[in-house]
Amino acid sequence: MYAITGKVFDKVTGLAINEAVISIHSINGFSNDIAQLTNEQGIFKWSDLDKGNYEIKIIKEAYLQQSIFINVSEITNHNNNDEIIKEVTILLEKSL
């Protein structure tokens, strides 16, 4: 199976952003949209994903919303459970 892990940081300060809403949507349409909050270190993770393209949206009050697109079939990192992992770092900008 595939997994996506990531960290969300403030673009200017470099500090981790806690409780940002992270949602994932399968562009291929094979899975339901799911969401979670980042932890104190700004970390999030989704496991058991199917091969395909995903859009990840990041929303946090006082920051500009951001979207990124990931193709999990291009992932090459593996963990000890033979899970194929894509790692991303997201830098959010404060809204005006």
PDB file of N, CA and C in Angstrom:
ATOM      1  N   MET A   1       0.827  -1.186   0.000  1.00  0.00           N
ATOM      2  CA  MET A   1       0.000   0.000   0.000  1.00  0.00           C
ATOM      3  C   MET A   1       0.869   1.245   0.000  1.00  0.00           C
ATOM      4  N   TYR A   2       0.223   2.362  -0.259  1.00  0.00           N
ATOM      5  CA  TYR A   2       0.899   3.647  -0.322  1.00  0.00           C
ATOM      6  C   TYR A   2       0.537   4.507   0.883  1.00  0.00           C
ATOM      7  N   ALA A   3       1.412   5.437   1.227  1.00  0.00           N
ATOM      8  CA  ALA A   3       1.173   6.365   2.330  1.00  0.00           C
ATOM      9  C   ALA A   3       1.764   7.720   1.964  1.00  0.00           C
ATOM     10  N   ILE A   4       1.159   8.759   2.525  1.00  0.00           N
ATOM     11  CA  ILE A   4       1.676  10.113   2.385  1.00  0.00           C
ATOM     12  C   ILE A   4       1.869  10.666   3.789  1.00  0.00           C
ATOM     13  N   THR A   5       3.067  11.157   4.069  1.00  0.00           N
ATOM     14  CA  THR A   5       3.329  11.825   5.339  1.00  0.00           C
ATOM     15  C   THR A   5       3.822  13.225   5.024  1.00  0.00           C
ATOM     16  N   GLY A   6       3.609  14.126   5.963  1.00  0.00           N
ATOM     17  CA  GLY A   6       4.062  15.473   5.710  1.00  0.00           C
ATOM     18  C   GLY A   6       4.159  16.296   6.962  1.00  0.00           C
ATOM     19  N   LYS A   7       4.762  17.470   6.792  1.00  0.00           N
ATOM     20  CA  LYS A   7       4.905  18.444   7.866  1.00  0.00           C
ATOM     21  C   LYS A   7       4.488  19.800   7.317  1.00  0.00           C
ATOM     22  N   VAL A   8       3.802  20.579   8.168  1.00  0.00           N
ATOM     23  CA  VAL A   8       3.339  21.909   7.779  1.00  0.00           C
ATOM     24  C   VAL A   8       4.038  22.936   8.667  1.00  0.00           C
ATOM     25  N   PHE A   9       4.652  23.917   8.013  1.00  0.00           N
ATOM     26  CA  PHE A   9       5.401  24.960   8.711  1.00  0.00           C
ATOM     27  C   PHE A   9       4.957  26.348   8.265  1.00  0.00           C
ATOM     28  N   ASP A  10       5.178  27.343   9.129  1.00  0.00           N
ATOM     29  CA  ASP A  10       5.007  28.746   8.770  1.00  0.00           C
ATOM     30  C   ASP A  10       6.157  29.111   7.836  1.00  0.00           C
ATOM     31  N   LYS A  11       5.829  29.700   6.687  1.00  0.00           N
ATOM     32  CA  LYS A  11       6.844  29.996   5.675  1.00  0.00           C
ATOM     33  C   LYS A  11       7.900  30.989   6.168  1.00  0.00           C
ATOM     34  N   VAL A  12       7.515  31.930   7.008  1.00  0.00           N
ATOM     35  CA  VAL A  12       8.451  32.958   7.475  1.00  0.00           C
ATOM     36  C   VAL A  12       9.234  32.502   8.706  1.00  0.00           C
ATOM     37  N   THR A  13       8.531  32.000   9.718  1.00  0.00           N
ATOM     38  CA  THR A  13       9.198  31.661  10.980  1.00  0.00           C
ATOM     39  C   THR A  13       9.811  30.269  10.988  1.00  0.00           C
ATOM     40  N   GLY A  14       9.284  29.374  10.138  1.00  0.00           N
ATOM     41  CA  GLY A  14       9.766  27.995  10.128  1.00  0.00           C
ATOM     42  C   GLY A  14       9.201  27.146  11.251  1.00  0.00           C
ATOM     43  N   LEU A  15       8.284  27.714  12.034  1.00  0.00           N
ATOM     44  CA  LEU A  15       7.681  26.968  13.147  1.00  0.00           C
ATOM     45  C   LEU A  15       6.598  26.022  12.641  1.00  0.00           C
ATOM     46  N   ALA A  16       6.485  24.877  13.304  1.00  0.00           N
ATOM     47  CA  ALA A  16       5.446  23.899  12.948  1.00  0.00           C
ATOM     48  C   ALA A  16       4.069  24.504  13.207  1.00  0.00           C
ATOM     49  N   ILE A  17       3.106  24.148  12.357  1.00  0.00           N
ATOM     50  CA  ILE A  17       1.737  24.635  12.508  1.00  0.00           C
ATOM     51  C   ILE A  17       0.871  23.510  13.045  1.00  0.00           C
ATOM     52  N   ASN A  18       0.378  23.704  14.263  1.00  0.00           N
ATOM     53  CA  ASN A  18      -0.471  22.734  14.950  1.00  0.00           C
ATOM     54  C   ASN A  18      -1.935  22.945  14.537  1.00  0.00           C
ATOM     55  N   GLU A  19      -2.665  21.865  14.415  1.00  0.00           N
ATOM     56  CA  GLU A  19      -4.103  21.861  14.130  1.00  0.00           C
ATOM     57  C   GLU A  19      -4.481  22.522  12.816  1.00  0.00           C
ATOM     58  N   ALA A  20      -3.636  22.402  11.807  1.00  0.00           N
ATOM     59  CA  ALA A  20      -4.040  22.764  10.448  1.00  0.00           C
ATOM     60  C   ALA A  20      -4.924  21.630   9.931  1.00  0.00           C
ATOM     61  N   VAL A  21      -5.966  21.966   9.193  1.00  0.00           N
ATOM     62  CA  VAL A  21      -6.862  20.957   8.621  1.00  0.00           C
ATOM     63  C   VAL A  21      -6.256  20.498   7.296  1.00  0.00           C
ATOM     64  N   ILE A  22      -5.999  19.208   7.218  1.00  0.00           N
ATOM     65  CA  ILE A  22      -5.418  18.613   6.018  1.00  0.00           C
ATOM     66  C   ILE A  22      -6.449  17.651   5.443  1.00  0.00           C
ATOM     67  N   SER A  23      -6.880  17.892   4.209  1.00  0.00           N
ATOM     68  CA  SER A  23      -7.830  16.974   3.576  1.00  0.00           C
ATOM     69  C   SER A  23      -7.199  16.404   2.321  1.00  0.00           C
ATOM     70  N   ILE A  24      -7.590  15.187   2.005  1.00  0.00           N
ATOM     71  CA  ILE A  24      -7.058  14.508   0.834  1.00  0.00           C
ATOM     72  C   ILE A  24      -8.220  14.037  -0.032  1.00  0.00           C
ATOM     73  N   HIS A  25      -8.046  14.199  -1.334  1.00  0.00           N
ATOM     74  CA  HIS A  25      -9.074  13.824  -2.294  1.00  0.00           C
ATOM     75  C   HIS A  25      -8.409  13.037  -3.424  1.00  0.00           C
ATOM     76  N   SER A  26      -8.950  11.883  -3.727  1.00  0.00           N
ATOM     77  CA  SER A  26      -8.440  11.090  -4.838  1.00  0.00           C
ATOM     78  C   SER A  26      -8.954  11.681  -6.144  1.00  0.00           C
ATOM     79  N   ILE A  27      -8.055  12.123  -6.982  1.00  0.00           N
ATOM     80  CA  ILE A  27      -8.442  12.686  -8.274  1.00  0.00           C
ATOM     81  C   ILE A  27      -9.019  11.590  -9.162  1.00  0.00           C
ATOM     82  N   ASN A  28      -8.577  10.363  -8.957  1.00  0.00           N
ATOM     83  CA  ASN A  28      -9.095   9.231  -9.723  1.00  0.00           C
ATOM     84  C   ASN A  28     -10.506   8.864  -9.292  1.00  0.00           C
ATOM     85  N   GLY A  29     -10.934   9.373  -8.118  1.00  0.00           N
ATOM     86  CA  GLY A  29     -12.287   9.133  -7.640  1.00  0.00           C
ATOM     87  C   GLY A  29     -12.510   7.798  -6.972  1.00  0.00           C
ATOM     88  N   PHE A  30     -11.444   7.099  -6.570  1.00  0.00           N
ATOM     89  CA  PHE A  30     -11.585   5.768  -5.989  1.00  0.00           C
ATOM     90  C   PHE A  30     -11.729   5.754  -4.473  1.00  0.00           C
ATOM     91  N   SER A  31     -11.597   6.907  -3.808  1.00  0.00           N
ATOM     92  CA  SER A  31     -11.711   6.922  -2.361  1.00  0.00           C
ATOM     93  C   SER A  31     -12.486   8.149  -1.896  1.00  0.00           C
ATOM     94  N   ASN A  32     -13.022   8.074  -0.694  1.00  0.00           N
ATOM     95  CA  ASN A  32     -13.733   9.204  -0.118  1.00  0.00           C
ATOM     96  C   ASN A  32     -12.734  10.256   0.357  1.00  0.00           C
ATOM     97  N   ASP A  33     -13.192  11.507   0.369  1.00  0.00           N
ATOM     98  CA  ASP A  33     -12.360  12.566   0.942  1.00  0.00           C
ATOM     99  C   ASP A  33     -12.230  12.327   2.437  1.00  0.00           C
ATOM    100  N   ILE A  34     -11.033  12.517   2.960  1.00  0.00           N
ATOM    101  CA  ILE A  34     -10.807  12.363   4.390  1.00  0.00           C
ATOM    102  C   ILE A  34     -10.001  13.557   4.885  1.00  0.00           C
ATOM    103  N   ALA A  35     -10.139  13.881   6.159  1.00  0.00           N
ATOM    104  CA  ALA A  35      -9.421  15.029   6.719  1.00  0.00           C
ATOM    105  C   ALA A  35      -8.885  14.672   8.089  1.00  0.00           C
ATOM    106  N   GLN A  36      -7.874  15.426   8.499  1.00  0.00           N
ATOM    107  CA  GLN A  36      -7.287  15.277   9.829  1.00  0.00           C
ATOM    108  C   GLN A  36      -6.610  16.581  10.200  1.00  0.00           C
ATOM    109  N   LEU A  37      -6.174  16.677  11.447  1.00  0.00           N
ATOM    110  CA  LEU A  37      -5.444  17.842  11.927  1.00  0.00           C
ATOM    111  C   LEU A  37      -3.976  17.485  12.098  1.00  0.00           C
ATOM    112  N   THR A  38      -3.106  18.464  11.855  1.00  0.00           N
ATOM    113  CA  THR A  38      -1.694  18.246  12.146  1.00  0.00           C
ATOM    114  C   THR A  38      -1.489  18.214  13.659  1.00  0.00           C
ATOM    115  N   ASN A  39      -0.454  17.517  14.094  1.00  0.00           N
ATOM    116  CA  ASN A  39      -0.159  17.457  15.531  1.00  0.00           C
ATOM    117  C   ASN A  39       0.725  18.642  15.930  1.00  0.00           C
ATOM    118  N   GLU A  40       1.245  18.630  17.151  1.00  0.00           N
ATOM    119  CA  GLU A  40       2.055  19.744  17.662  1.00  0.00           C
ATOM    120  C   GLU A  40       3.311  19.988  16.842  1.00  0.00           C
ATOM    121  N   GLN A  41       3.818  18.965  16.184  1.00  0.00           N
ATOM    122  CA  GLN A  41       5.003  19.102  15.341  1.00  0.00           C
ATOM    123  C   GLN A  41       4.641  19.413  13.887  1.00  0.00           C
ATOM    124  N   GLY A  42       3.338  19.637  13.612  1.00  0.00           N
ATOM    125  CA  GLY A  42       2.891  19.943  12.253  1.00  0.00           C
ATOM    126  C   GLY A  42       2.813  18.733  11.351  1.00  0.00           C
ATOM    127  N   ILE A  43       2.798  17.533  11.926  1.00  0.00           N
ATOM    128  CA  ILE A  43       2.874  16.287  11.156  1.00  0.00           C
ATOM    129  C   ILE A  43       1.489  15.714  10.874  1.00  0.00           C
ATOM    130  N   PHE A  44       1.344  15.148   9.673  1.00  0.00           N
ATOM    131  CA  PHE A  44       0.145  14.393   9.303  1.00  0.00           C
ATOM    132  C   PHE A  44       0.575  13.149   8.523  1.00  0.00           C
ATOM    133  N   LYS A  45      -0.319  12.147   8.457  1.00  0.00           N
ATOM    134  CA  LYS A  45      -0.018  10.927   7.699  1.00  0.00           C
ATOM    135  C   LYS A  45      -1.304  10.237   7.271  1.00  0.00           C
ATOM    136  N   TRP A  46      -1.314   9.781   6.034  1.00  0.00           N
ATOM    137  CA  TRP A  46      -2.372   8.902   5.534  1.00  0.00           C
ATOM    138  C   TRP A  46      -1.737   7.597   5.091  1.00  0.00           C
ATOM    139  N   SER A  47      -2.362   6.493   5.466  1.00  0.00           N
ATOM    140  CA  SER A  47      -1.897   5.164   5.070  1.00  0.00           C
ATOM    141  C   SER A  47      -2.977   4.474   4.259  1.00  0.00           C
ATOM    142  N   ASP A  48      -2.639   3.322   3.722  1.00  0.00           N
ATOM    143  CA  ASP A  48      -3.575   2.472   2.973  1.00  0.00           C
ATOM    144  C   ASP A  48      -4.195   3.184   1.784  1.00  0.00           C
ATOM    145  N   LEU A  49      -3.396   3.985   1.076  1.00  0.00           N
ATOM    146  CA  LEU A  49      -3.875   4.668  -0.121  1.00  0.00           C
ATOM    147  C   LEU A  49      -3.648   3.798  -1.349  1.00  0.00           C
ATOM    148  N   ASP A  50      -4.524   3.913  -2.312  1.00  0.00           N
ATOM    149  CA  ASP A  50      -4.355   3.223  -3.588  1.00  0.00           C
ATOM    150  C   ASP A  50      -3.429   4.032  -4.494  1.00  0.00           C
ATOM    151  N   LYS A  51      -2.876   3.363  -5.487  1.00  0.00           N
ATOM    152  CA  LYS A  51      -2.049   4.027  -6.479  1.00  0.00           C
ATOM    153  C   LYS A  51      -2.910   5.060  -7.205  1.00  0.00           C
ATOM    154  N   GLY A  52      -2.346   6.228  -7.490  1.00  0.00           N
ATOM    155  CA  GLY A  52      -3.099   7.241  -8.212  1.00  0.00           C
ATOM    156  C   GLY A  52      -2.695   8.648  -7.846  1.00  0.00           C
ATOM    157  N   ASN A  53      -3.517   9.597  -8.265  1.00  0.00           N
ATOM    158  CA  ASN A  53      -3.263  11.014  -8.054  1.00  0.00           C
ATOM    159  C   ASN A  53      -4.163  11.550  -6.946  1.00  0.00           C
ATOM    160  N   TYR A  54      -3.584  12.385  -6.094  1.00  0.00           N
ATOM    161  CA  TYR A  54      -4.303  12.946  -4.957  1.00  0.00           C
ATOM    162  C   TYR A  54      -4.086  14.451  -4.880  1.00  0.00           C
ATOM    163  N   GLU A  55      -5.127  15.140  -4.416  1.00  0.00           N
ATOM    164  CA  GLU A  55      -5.016  16.555  -4.090  1.00  0.00           C
ATOM    165  C   GLU A  55      -5.087  16.675  -2.570  1.00  0.00           C
ATOM    166  N   ILE A  56      -4.141  17.396  -2.002  1.00  0.00           N
ATOM    167  CA  ILE A  56      -4.134  17.651  -0.567  1.00  0.00           C
ATOM    168  C   ILE A  56      -4.372  19.141  -0.366  1.00  0.00           C
ATOM    169  N   LYS A  57      -5.377  19.474   0.467  1.00  0.00           N
ATOM    170  CA  LYS A  57      -5.678  20.865   0.790  1.00  0.00           C
ATOM    171  C   LYS A  57      -5.305  21.122   2.242  1.00  0.00           C
ATOM    172  N   ILE A  58      -4.702  22.281   2.463  1.00  0.00           N
ATOM    173  CA  ILE A  58      -4.276  22.662   3.801  1.00  0.00           C
ATOM    174  C   ILE A  58      -4.983  23.963   4.170  1.00  0.00           C
ATOM    175  N   ILE A  59      -5.694  23.942   5.302  1.00  0.00           N
ATOM    176  CA  ILE A  59      -6.434  25.119   5.753  1.00  0.00           C
ATOM    177  C   ILE A  59      -6.079  25.381   7.212  1.00  0.00           C
ATOM    178  N   LYS A  60      -5.746  26.626   7.496  1.00  0.00           N
ATOM    179  CA  LYS A  60      -5.464  27.053   8.860  1.00  0.00           C
ATOM    180  C   LYS A  60      -5.849  28.525   8.976  1.00  0.00           C
ATOM    181  N   GLU A  61      -6.589  28.855  10.035  1.00  0.00           N
ATOM    182  CA  GLU A  61      -6.995  30.241  10.257  1.00  0.00           C
ATOM    183  C   GLU A  61      -5.766  31.137  10.278  1.00  0.00           C
ATOM    184  N   ALA A  62      -5.880  32.299   9.650  1.00  0.00           N
ATOM    185  CA  ALA A  62      -4.829  33.315   9.543  1.00  0.00           C
ATOM    186  C   ALA A  62      -3.786  32.980   8.472  1.00  0.00           C
ATOM    187  N   TYR A  63      -3.976  31.884   7.725  1.00  0.00           N
ATOM    188  CA  TYR A  63      -3.058  31.500   6.654  1.00  0.00           C
ATOM    189  C   TYR A  63      -3.822  31.363   5.339  1.00  0.00           C
ATOM    190  N   LEU A  64      -3.106  31.520   4.235  1.00  0.00           N
ATOM    191  CA  LEU A  64      -3.697  31.285   2.922  1.00  0.00           C
ATOM    192  C   LEU A  64      -3.873  29.788   2.708  1.00  0.00           C
ATOM    193  N   GLN A  65      -5.038  29.405   2.170  1.00  0.00           N
ATOM    194  CA  GLN A  65      -5.276  27.989   1.857  1.00  0.00           C
ATOM    195  C   GLN A  65      -4.316  27.569   0.753  1.00  0.00           C
ATOM    196  N   GLN A  66      -3.866  26.334   0.834  1.00  0.00           N
ATOM    197  CA  GLN A  66      -2.929  25.825  -0.164  1.00  0.00           C
ATOM    198  C   GLN A  66      -3.358  24.437  -0.610  1.00  0.00           C
ATOM    199  N   SER A  67      -3.100  24.117  -1.872  1.00  0.00           N
ATOM    200  CA  SER A  67      -3.349  22.775  -2.400  1.00  0.00           C
ATOM    201  C   SER A  67      -2.082  22.267  -3.072  1.00  0.00           C
ATOM    202  N   ILE A  68      -1.826  20.977  -2.911  1.00  0.00           N
ATOM    203  CA  ILE A  68      -0.724  20.341  -3.622  1.00  0.00           C
ATOM    204  C   ILE A  68      -1.248  19.062  -4.262  1.00  0.00           C
ATOM    205  N   PHE A  69      -0.599  18.630  -5.333  1.00  0.00           N
ATOM    206  CA  PHE A  69      -1.003  17.430  -6.049  1.00  0.00           C
ATOM    207  C   PHE A  69       0.136  16.419  -5.991  1.00  0.00           C
ATOM    208  N   ILE A  70      -0.228  15.168  -5.707  1.00  0.00           N
ATOM    209  CA  ILE A  70       0.764  14.109  -5.539  1.00  0.00           C
ATOM    210  C   ILE A  70       0.337  12.892  -6.348  1.00  0.00           C
ATOM    211  N   ASN A  71       1.287  12.300  -7.061  1.00  0.00           N
ATOM    212  CA  ASN A  71       1.066  11.027  -7.740  1.00  0.00           C
ATOM    213  C   ASN A  71       1.779   9.966  -6.918  1.00  0.00           C
ATOM    214  N   VAL A  72       1.016   9.118  -6.224  1.00  0.00           N
ATOM    215  CA  VAL A  72       1.652   8.145  -5.341  1.00  0.00           C
ATOM    216  C   VAL A  72       2.347   7.025  -6.098  1.00  0.00           C
ATOM    217  N   SER A  73       2.081   6.844  -7.374  1.00  0.00           N
ATOM    218  CA  SER A  73       2.775   5.786  -8.121  1.00  0.00           C
ATOM    219  C   SER A  73       4.237   6.165  -8.385  1.00  0.00           C
ATOM    220  N   GLU A  74       4.599   7.433  -8.178  1.00  0.00           N
ATOM    221  CA  GLU A  74       5.975   7.888  -8.374  1.00  0.00           C
ATOM    222  C   GLU A  74       6.807   7.810  -7.096  1.00  0.00           C
ATOM    223  N   ILE A  75       6.240   7.257  -6.041  1.00  0.00           N
ATOM    224  CA  ILE A  75       6.914   7.175  -4.748  1.00  0.00           C
ATOM    225  C   ILE A  75       7.910   6.023  -4.742  1.00  0.00           C
ATOM    226  N   THR A  76       9.081   6.266  -4.132  1.00  0.00           N
ATOM    227  CA  THR A  76      10.096   5.212  -4.099  1.00  0.00           C
ATOM    228  C   THR A  76      10.583   4.872  -2.695  1.00  0.00           C
ATOM    229  N   ASN A  77      10.170   5.620  -1.654  1.00  0.00           N
ATOM    230  CA  ASN A  77      10.612   5.334  -0.286  1.00  0.00           C
ATOM    231  C   ASN A  77       9.786   4.208   0.316  1.00  0.00           C
ATOM    232  N   HIS A  78      10.431   3.319   1.079  1.00  0.00           N
ATOM    233  CA  HIS A  78       9.738   2.225   1.758  1.00  0.00           C
ATOM    234  C   HIS A  78      10.063   2.273   3.245  1.00  0.00           C
ATOM    235  N   ASN A  79       9.100   1.863   4.078  1.00  0.00           N
ATOM    236  CA  ASN A  79       9.381   1.747   5.505  1.00  0.00           C
ATOM    237  C   ASN A  79       9.521   0.275   5.875  1.00  0.00           C
ATOM    238  N   ASN A  80       9.653  -0.025   7.141  1.00  0.00           N
ATOM    239  CA  ASN A  80       9.866  -1.405   7.596  1.00  0.00           C
ATOM    240  C   ASN A  80       8.670  -2.313   7.348  1.00  0.00           C
ATOM    241  N   ASN A  81       7.476  -1.725   7.190  1.00  0.00           N
ATOM    242  CA  ASN A  81       6.278  -2.530   6.930  1.00  0.00           C
ATOM    243  C   ASN A  81       6.021  -2.691   5.439  1.00  0.00           C
ATOM    244  N   ASP A  82       7.018  -2.382   4.608  1.00  0.00           N
ATOM    245  CA  ASP A  82       6.921  -2.438   3.161  1.00  0.00           C
ATOM    246  C   ASP A  82       5.840  -1.495   2.630  1.00  0.00           C
ATOM    247  N   GLU A  83       5.581  -0.440   3.397  1.00  0.00           N
ATOM    248  CA  GLU A  83       4.647   0.590   2.964  1.00  0.00           C
ATOM    249  C   GLU A  83       5.426   1.587   2.106  1.00  0.00           C
ATOM    250  N   ILE A  84       4.879   1.975   0.988  1.00  0.00           N
ATOM    251  CA  ILE A  84       5.536   2.917   0.084  1.00  0.00           C
ATOM    252  C   ILE A  84       5.108   4.322   0.493  1.00  0.00           C
ATOM    253  N   ILE A  85       6.064   5.176   0.829  1.00  0.00           N
ATOM    254  CA  ILE A  85       5.757   6.465   1.458  1.00  0.00           C
ATOM    255  C   ILE A  85       6.243   7.641   0.622  1.00  0.00           C
ATOM    256  N   LYS A  86       5.383   8.647   0.512  1.00  0.00           N
ATOM    257  CA  LYS A  86       5.750   9.939  -0.066  1.00  0.00           C
ATOM    258  C   LYS A  86       5.796  10.938   1.077  1.00  0.00           C
ATOM    259  N   GLU A  87       6.914  11.650   1.215  1.00  0.00           N
ATOM    260  CA  GLU A  87       7.058  12.654   2.263  1.00  0.00           C
ATOM    261  C   GLU A  87       7.011  14.042   1.636  1.00  0.00           C
ATOM    262  N   VAL A  88       6.210  14.937   2.242  1.00  0.00           N
ATOM    263  CA  VAL A  88       6.079  16.291   1.724  1.00  0.00           C
ATOM    264  C   VAL A  88       6.272  17.299   2.849  1.00  0.00           C
ATOM    265  N   THR A  89       6.798  18.461   2.497  1.00  0.00           N
ATOM    266  CA  THR A  89       6.912  19.582   3.420  1.00  0.00           C
ATOM    267  C   THR A  89       6.101  20.727   2.823  1.00  0.00           C
ATOM    268  N   ILE A  90       5.236  21.328   3.647  1.00  0.00           N
ATOM    269  CA  ILE A  90       4.348  22.379   3.181  1.00  0.00           C
ATOM    270  C   ILE A  90       4.640  23.646   3.971  1.00  0.00           C
ATOM    271  N   LEU A  91       4.850  24.746   3.262  1.00  0.00           N
ATOM    272  CA  LEU A  91       5.110  26.038   3.894  1.00  0.00           C
ATOM    273  C   LEU A  91       3.900  26.934   3.644  1.00  0.00           C
ATOM    274  N   LEU A  92       3.228  27.345   4.729  1.00  0.00           N
ATOM    275  CA  LEU A  92       2.051  28.190   4.603  1.00  0.00           C
ATOM    276  C   LEU A  92       2.410  29.656   4.819  1.00  0.00           C
ATOM    277  N   GLU A  93       1.767  30.522   4.024  1.00  0.00           N
ATOM    278  CA  GLU A  93       1.942  31.954   4.163  1.00  0.00           C
ATOM    279  C   GLU A  93       0.785  32.552   4.944  1.00  0.00           C
ATOM    280  N   LYS A  94       1.090  33.516   5.777  1.00  0.00           N
ATOM    281  CA  LYS A  94       0.045  34.230   6.523  1.00  0.00           C
ATOM    282  C   LYS A  94      -0.818  35.017   5.537  1.00  0.00           C
ATOM    283  N   SER A  95      -2.113  35.086   5.832  1.00  0.00           N
ATOM    284  CA  SER A  95      -3.003  35.913   5.024  1.00  0.00           C
ATOM    285  C   SER A  95      -2.871  37.359   5.463  1.00  0.00           C
ATOM    286  N   LEU A  96      -3.220  38.254   4.583  1.00  0.00           N
ATOM    287  CA  LEU A  96      -3.075  39.691   4.894  1.00  0.00           C
ATOM    288  C   LEU A  96      -4.193  40.182   5.777  1.00  0.00           C
TER     289      LEU A  96
END
